[in-house]
N, C-alpha and C. Protein backbone atom coordinates (compact mmCIF):
# COMPACT_ATOMS: atom_id res chain seq x y z
N MET A 1 -8.59 -97.19 69.50
CA MET A 1 -8.24 -98.48 69.20
C MET A 1 -9.44 -99.32 68.56
N PHE A 2 -10.01 -98.45 67.64
CA PHE A 2 -11.16 -99.17 66.96
C PHE A 2 -10.51 -99.43 65.39
N ASN A 3 -10.98 -100.50 64.81
CA ASN A 3 -10.58 -100.75 63.41
C ASN A 3 -11.60 -101.25 62.53
N VAL A 4 -12.87 -101.22 62.91
CA VAL A 4 -14.01 -101.47 62.34
C VAL A 4 -14.80 -100.32 62.04
N GLY A 5 -15.05 -99.94 60.72
CA GLY A 5 -15.79 -98.72 60.33
C GLY A 5 -17.16 -98.86 60.17
N GLY A 6 -17.89 -97.74 59.91
CA GLY A 6 -19.29 -97.67 59.68
C GLY A 6 -20.17 -98.69 59.07
N ILE A 7 -19.91 -98.74 57.91
CA ILE A 7 -20.61 -99.80 56.86
C ILE A 7 -20.06 -101.27 57.22
N ASP A 8 -19.09 -101.40 57.61
CA ASP A 8 -18.37 -102.76 57.92
C ASP A 8 -18.98 -103.17 59.13
N ARG A 9 -19.32 -102.17 60.21
CA ARG A 9 -19.74 -102.41 61.52
C ARG A 9 -21.34 -102.70 61.26
N VAL A 10 -21.98 -102.10 60.37
CA VAL A 10 -23.55 -102.55 60.27
C VAL A 10 -23.58 -103.90 59.48
N ILE A 11 -22.74 -104.16 58.66
CA ILE A 11 -22.77 -105.37 58.01
C ILE A 11 -22.56 -106.63 58.94
N ARG A 12 -21.60 -106.51 59.89
CA ARG A 12 -21.16 -107.62 61.01
C ARG A 12 -22.30 -107.67 61.86
N ILE A 13 -23.10 -106.60 62.33
CA ILE A 13 -24.10 -106.49 63.22
C ILE A 13 -25.26 -107.47 62.74
N LEU A 14 -25.73 -106.95 61.52
CA LEU A 14 -26.66 -107.60 60.67
C LEU A 14 -26.37 -109.23 60.49
N ALA A 15 -25.22 -109.54 60.12
CA ALA A 15 -24.86 -110.93 59.68
C ALA A 15 -24.85 -111.71 61.13
N GLY A 16 -24.36 -111.08 62.09
CA GLY A 16 -24.44 -111.70 63.59
C GLY A 16 -25.79 -112.03 63.84
N LEU A 17 -26.78 -111.03 63.73
CA LEU A 17 -28.14 -111.15 64.06
C LEU A 17 -28.90 -112.36 63.22
N ILE A 18 -28.45 -112.50 62.08
CA ILE A 18 -29.09 -113.43 61.08
C ILE A 18 -28.66 -114.62 61.58
N LEU A 19 -27.37 -114.78 61.70
CA LEU A 19 -26.77 -116.22 62.28
C LEU A 19 -27.56 -116.69 63.51
N ILE A 20 -27.53 -115.85 64.57
CA ILE A 20 -28.25 -116.16 65.78
C ILE A 20 -29.74 -116.49 65.65
N SER A 21 -30.41 -115.80 64.67
CA SER A 21 -31.73 -116.14 64.45
C SER A 21 -31.91 -117.39 63.65
N LEU A 22 -30.87 -117.96 63.11
CA LEU A 22 -31.08 -119.35 62.53
C LEU A 22 -31.29 -120.39 63.62
N VAL A 23 -30.99 -120.23 64.87
CA VAL A 23 -31.33 -120.97 66.01
C VAL A 23 -32.59 -121.26 66.18
N PHE A 24 -33.42 -120.31 65.89
CA PHE A 24 -34.97 -120.36 66.14
C PHE A 24 -35.74 -120.70 65.03
N VAL A 25 -35.27 -120.79 63.86
CA VAL A 25 -36.06 -121.02 62.67
C VAL A 25 -35.32 -122.21 61.80
N GLY A 26 -36.09 -122.75 60.79
CA GLY A 26 -35.74 -123.96 60.10
C GLY A 26 -35.76 -125.07 60.82
N ASP A 27 -35.22 -126.18 60.10
CA ASP A 27 -35.29 -127.41 60.61
C ASP A 27 -34.53 -127.43 62.09
N GLN A 28 -35.23 -128.02 62.93
CA GLN A 28 -34.57 -128.15 64.27
C GLN A 28 -33.74 -129.52 64.51
N ILE A 29 -32.66 -129.42 63.90
CA ILE A 29 -31.68 -130.61 63.97
C ILE A 29 -30.89 -130.28 65.16
N ILE A 30 -30.85 -131.36 65.94
CA ILE A 30 -30.16 -131.09 67.25
C ILE A 30 -28.68 -130.81 67.08
N GLY A 31 -28.28 -129.58 67.69
CA GLY A 31 -26.86 -129.30 67.53
C GLY A 31 -26.45 -128.27 66.32
N GLN A 32 -26.91 -128.71 65.20
CA GLN A 32 -26.63 -127.86 63.96
C GLN A 32 -26.92 -126.41 64.14
N ASN A 33 -28.20 -126.11 64.37
CA ASN A 33 -28.70 -124.71 64.50
C ASN A 33 -27.97 -124.06 65.72
N ILE A 34 -27.65 -124.66 66.70
CA ILE A 34 -26.97 -124.02 67.87
C ILE A 34 -25.64 -123.59 67.44
N VAL A 35 -24.93 -124.33 66.55
CA VAL A 35 -23.56 -123.95 66.00
C VAL A 35 -23.62 -122.48 65.39
N TRP A 36 -24.79 -122.33 64.57
CA TRP A 36 -24.83 -121.08 63.87
C TRP A 36 -25.02 -119.91 64.81
N GLY A 37 -25.63 -120.21 65.90
CA GLY A 37 -25.78 -119.12 66.90
C GLY A 37 -24.64 -118.72 67.59
N TRP A 38 -23.72 -119.79 67.84
CA TRP A 38 -22.30 -119.48 68.53
C TRP A 38 -21.35 -118.87 67.44
N ILE A 39 -21.49 -119.09 66.34
CA ILE A 39 -20.82 -118.37 65.01
C ILE A 39 -21.26 -117.15 64.86
N GLY A 40 -22.53 -116.75 65.12
CA GLY A 40 -23.10 -115.48 64.87
C GLY A 40 -22.58 -114.56 66.02
N ILE A 41 -22.15 -115.11 67.04
CA ILE A 41 -21.63 -114.09 68.27
C ILE A 41 -20.50 -113.41 67.87
N ILE A 42 -19.65 -113.92 67.12
CA ILE A 42 -18.39 -113.32 66.58
C ILE A 42 -18.62 -111.99 66.00
N PRO A 43 -19.23 -112.04 64.72
CA PRO A 43 -19.55 -110.88 63.92
C PRO A 43 -20.41 -109.76 64.77
N LEU A 44 -21.15 -110.31 65.46
CA LEU A 44 -22.01 -109.45 66.30
C LEU A 44 -21.17 -108.65 67.33
N ALA A 45 -20.28 -109.37 68.04
CA ALA A 45 -19.50 -108.66 69.08
C ALA A 45 -18.32 -107.85 68.19
N THR A 46 -17.83 -108.31 67.10
CA THR A 46 -16.86 -107.31 66.58
C THR A 46 -17.41 -106.15 66.04
N GLY A 47 -18.72 -106.24 65.72
CA GLY A 47 -19.58 -104.90 65.31
C GLY A 47 -19.84 -104.20 66.36
N ILE A 48 -20.27 -104.66 67.41
CA ILE A 48 -20.59 -103.94 68.62
C ILE A 48 -19.41 -103.16 69.11
N PHE A 49 -18.26 -103.78 69.34
CA PHE A 49 -17.18 -103.19 69.98
C PHE A 49 -16.16 -102.45 69.17
N LYS A 50 -16.54 -102.65 67.80
CA LYS A 50 -15.81 -101.90 66.86
C LYS A 50 -14.48 -102.28 66.62
N PHE A 51 -13.97 -103.60 67.06
CA PHE A 51 -12.63 -104.02 67.01
C PHE A 51 -12.81 -105.45 66.65
N CYS A 52 -11.66 -105.92 65.64
CA CYS A 52 -11.76 -107.18 65.05
C CYS A 52 -10.33 -107.75 65.22
N PRO A 53 -9.97 -108.55 65.98
CA PRO A 53 -8.60 -108.96 66.33
C PRO A 53 -8.01 -109.60 64.93
N ALA A 54 -8.75 -110.14 63.96
CA ALA A 54 -8.22 -110.48 62.60
C ALA A 54 -7.69 -109.27 61.92
N TYR A 55 -8.40 -108.13 61.97
CA TYR A 55 -7.97 -106.90 61.27
C TYR A 55 -6.53 -106.59 61.87
N THR A 56 -6.42 -106.73 63.07
CA THR A 56 -5.11 -106.30 63.74
C THR A 56 -4.12 -107.13 63.19
N LEU A 57 -4.34 -108.41 63.08
CA LEU A 57 -3.17 -109.28 62.61
C LEU A 57 -2.78 -108.89 61.11
N PHE A 58 -3.70 -108.57 60.39
CA PHE A 58 -3.47 -108.34 58.85
C PHE A 58 -3.28 -106.88 58.56
N GLY A 59 -3.37 -106.01 59.60
CA GLY A 59 -3.13 -104.65 59.29
C GLY A 59 -4.31 -103.87 58.70
N ILE A 60 -5.37 -104.33 58.75
CA ILE A 60 -6.56 -103.84 58.09
C ILE A 60 -7.28 -102.92 59.10
N LYS A 61 -7.81 -101.77 58.45
CA LYS A 61 -8.53 -100.70 59.24
C LYS A 61 -9.63 -100.08 58.46
N THR A 62 -10.79 -100.31 58.77
CA THR A 62 -11.80 -99.71 57.90
C THR A 62 -12.51 -98.53 58.39
N CYS A 63 -12.05 -98.15 59.76
CA CYS A 63 -12.68 -96.90 60.27
C CYS A 63 -11.77 -95.69 59.87
N PRO A 64 -12.39 -94.37 59.82
CA PRO A 64 -11.65 -93.35 59.54
C PRO A 64 -10.59 -92.90 60.70
N ILE A 65 -9.56 -92.44 60.24
CA ILE A 65 -8.56 -91.95 61.21
C ILE A 65 -9.05 -90.85 61.95
N LYS A 66 -8.76 -90.84 63.34
CA LYS A 66 -9.22 -89.80 64.14
C LYS A 66 -8.24 -89.19 64.84
């Protein structure tokens, strides 16, 4: 029941980590940086669990068939 493949998974994990790291760097505008951290959780989680609900809705699958 996986639909996120290897390269897609790496890109999602890196993007999630970068977005979460924006919470700790840059201008510390109250609330704005925290939003990037919450947004970063989505690609990080989909990369870790190899499952993207949006891919299921659109019928996309980037992992090889097993």
